[in-house]
Protein backbone atom coordinates (compact mmCIF):
# COMPACT_ATOMS: atom_id res chain seq x y z
CA MET A 1 3.91 29.39 38.58
CA ALA A 2 6.73 27.61 40.38
CA ALA A 3 7.10 25.12 37.49
CA ILE A 4 7.49 27.95 34.98
CA THR A 5 10.14 29.63 37.17
CA LEU A 6 12.09 26.37 37.45
CA ALA A 7 11.84 25.76 33.67
CA LEU A 8 13.13 29.27 32.89
CA LYS A 9 16.02 28.79 35.36
CA ASP A 10 16.96 25.47 33.68
CA LEU A 11 16.81 27.04 30.21
CA ARG A 12 19.13 29.89 31.36
CA LEU A 13 21.62 27.36 32.75
CA LEU A 14 21.40 25.31 29.54
CA ALA A 15 22.03 28.39 27.37
CA ARG A 16 25.39 28.86 29.12
CA GLU A 17 26.60 25.46 27.88
CA PRO A 18 26.67 25.24 24.04
CA MET A 19 27.27 21.47 23.85
CA GLY A 20 24.34 20.81 26.17
CA LEU A 21 22.19 23.06 23.99
CA PHE A 22 23.26 21.07 20.92
CA TRP A 23 22.40 17.69 22.47
CA ILE A 24 19.07 18.87 23.85
CA PHE A 25 17.71 20.78 20.83
CA VAL A 26 19.77 20.39 17.63
CA PHE A 27 20.65 16.67 17.71
CA PRO A 28 17.06 15.43 18.23
CA LEU A 29 15.91 17.72 15.41
CA LEU A 30 18.58 16.36 13.05
CA PHE A 31 17.71 12.81 14.11
CA ALA A 32 14.01 13.39 13.40
CA LEU A 33 14.73 14.97 10.01
CA PHE A 34 17.04 12.11 9.02
CA PHE A 35 14.58 9.33 9.87
CA GLY A 36 11.63 11.33 8.55
CA THR A 37 13.38 11.61 5.20
CA ILE A 38 14.17 7.90 5.07
CA PHE A 39 10.86 6.48 6.27
CA GLY A 40 8.50 9.33 5.42
CA GLY A 41 5.63 8.94 3.04
CA GLY A 42 6.13 10.27 -0.40
CA ASP A 43 4.10 9.95 -3.52
CA ALA A 44 0.78 8.28 -2.60
CA GLY A 45 0.69 6.07 -5.71
CA ARG A 46 4.35 5.16 -5.56
CA GLY A 47 3.93 1.75 -3.95
CA ALA A 48 0.82 0.64 -5.81
CA MET A 49 1.15 -2.79 -7.43
CA ALA A 50 0.09 -3.06 -11.06
CA VAL A 51 -2.48 -5.86 -11.30
CA ALA A 52 -4.52 -6.92 -14.32
CA VAL A 53 -8.12 -8.04 -13.85
CA VAL A 54 -9.80 -10.43 -16.28
CA ASP A 55 -13.59 -10.30 -15.88
CA GLU A 56 -14.97 -13.34 -17.71
CA ASP A 57 -18.26 -13.24 -15.79
CA GLY A 58 -19.45 -9.69 -16.50
CA SER A 59 -22.10 -9.84 -13.74
CA ALA A 60 -22.96 -7.05 -11.32
CA ASP A 61 -21.16 -8.93 -8.52
CA ALA A 62 -18.02 -9.22 -10.65
CA ARG A 63 -18.15 -5.50 -11.48
CA ALA A 64 -18.57 -4.70 -7.77
CA PHE A 65 -15.54 -6.87 -6.98
CA VAL A 66 -13.46 -5.07 -9.62
CA ALA A 67 -14.63 -1.71 -8.26
CA ARG A 68 -13.44 -2.73 -4.78
CA LEU A 69 -10.05 -3.67 -6.18
CA GLU A 70 -9.83 -0.35 -8.04
CA ALA A 71 -10.71 1.55 -4.85
CA SER A 72 -7.69 0.08 -3.07
CA LYS A 73 -4.74 2.47 -2.85
CA ALA A 74 -2.37 -0.51 -2.84
CA LEU A 75 -3.37 -1.64 -6.33
CA LYS A 76 -3.23 -0.12 -9.80
CA VAL A 77 -5.88 -2.14 -11.65
CA THR A 78 -5.98 -2.63 -15.42
CA ALA A 79 -8.74 -4.56 -17.22
CA LEU A 80 -7.28 -6.98 -19.79
CA SER A 81 -8.16 -10.24 -21.49
CA ARG A 82 -6.66 -13.45 -20.10
CA ASP A 83 -4.00 -13.71 -22.84
CA GLU A 84 -3.11 -10.01 -22.57
CA ALA A 85 -2.84 -10.30 -18.78
CA ARG A 86 -0.60 -13.36 -19.00
CA ALA A 87 1.63 -11.59 -21.56
CA ALA A 88 1.78 -8.43 -19.41
CA VAL A 89 2.90 -10.45 -16.37
CA ARG A 90 5.52 -12.31 -18.42
CA SER A 91 6.90 -9.05 -19.81
CA GLY A 92 7.01 -7.46 -16.34
CA ASP A 93 4.41 -4.75 -17.04
CA GLN A 94 2.06 -6.22 -14.40
CA VAL A 95 2.90 -7.86 -11.08
CA GLY A 96 0.07 -10.36 -11.46
CA TYR A 97 -3.46 -10.92 -12.67
CA VAL A 98 -6.81 -12.02 -11.22
CA VAL A 99 -9.32 -13.94 -13.34
CA ILE A 100 -12.99 -13.71 -12.35
CA PRO A 101 -14.48 -16.88 -13.92
CA LYS A 102 -17.95 -17.34 -15.36
CA GLY A 103 -20.51 -18.12 -12.68
CA PHE A 104 -18.94 -15.78 -10.10
CA GLY A 105 -22.10 -13.67 -9.86
CA ASP A 106 -24.48 -16.68 -9.83
CA SER A 107 -23.37 -17.92 -6.41
CA SER A 108 -25.30 -17.15 -3.23
CA PRO A 109 -23.61 -15.95 -0.03
CA PHE A 110 -26.24 -17.88 1.99
CA GLY A 111 -25.34 -21.38 0.82
CA GLY A 112 -26.45 -23.25 -2.22
CA GLU A 113 -24.23 -22.86 -5.25
CA LYS A 114 -20.62 -22.16 -4.34
CA ALA A 115 -18.74 -19.44 -6.24
CA PRO A 116 -15.99 -20.65 -8.56
CA ALA A 117 -12.51 -19.91 -7.29
CA LEU A 118 -10.67 -16.88 -8.56
CA ALA A 119 -7.61 -17.69 -10.63
CA VAL A 120 -4.47 -15.74 -9.83
CA GLY A 121 -1.31 -15.52 -11.91
CA MET A 122 1.91 -14.05 -10.54
CA ASP A 123 5.41 -13.38 -11.81
CA PRO A 124 7.62 -15.99 -10.06
CA ALA A 125 10.44 -13.46 -9.80
CA ARG A 126 8.30 -11.25 -7.54
CA THR A 127 7.85 -13.44 -4.50
CA ALA A 128 7.44 -10.51 -2.10
CA GLU A 129 4.45 -9.12 -4.00
CA ALA A 130 2.99 -12.59 -4.43
CA SER A 131 2.85 -13.00 -0.67
């Protein structure tokens, strides 16, 4: 009860001084609104990178890999052929492309045959996205 009495006394004293009231309540609110507007989240799909996927394997593992890419909120995935993907990157419609080569689904995660490497193509002008 004593803490509430002290808080009410301090609020009464603060109400008598308009500049103090501004710096305690109004300025922090304006500060929070300003930075919230600048750094706040907006449209959820706004920052998604447009990436083309070329599935040359067609196996269940390749389809599962493509489904994982599509589930990512950071990517906007489009299925294209290799030539279409390359042309889309060159024209600036896509940030890059991922090629899933034949034999991707034939590899075993427990040793044996190693999966072929994924091929990635990026627009050289977009070094930030490439990283």
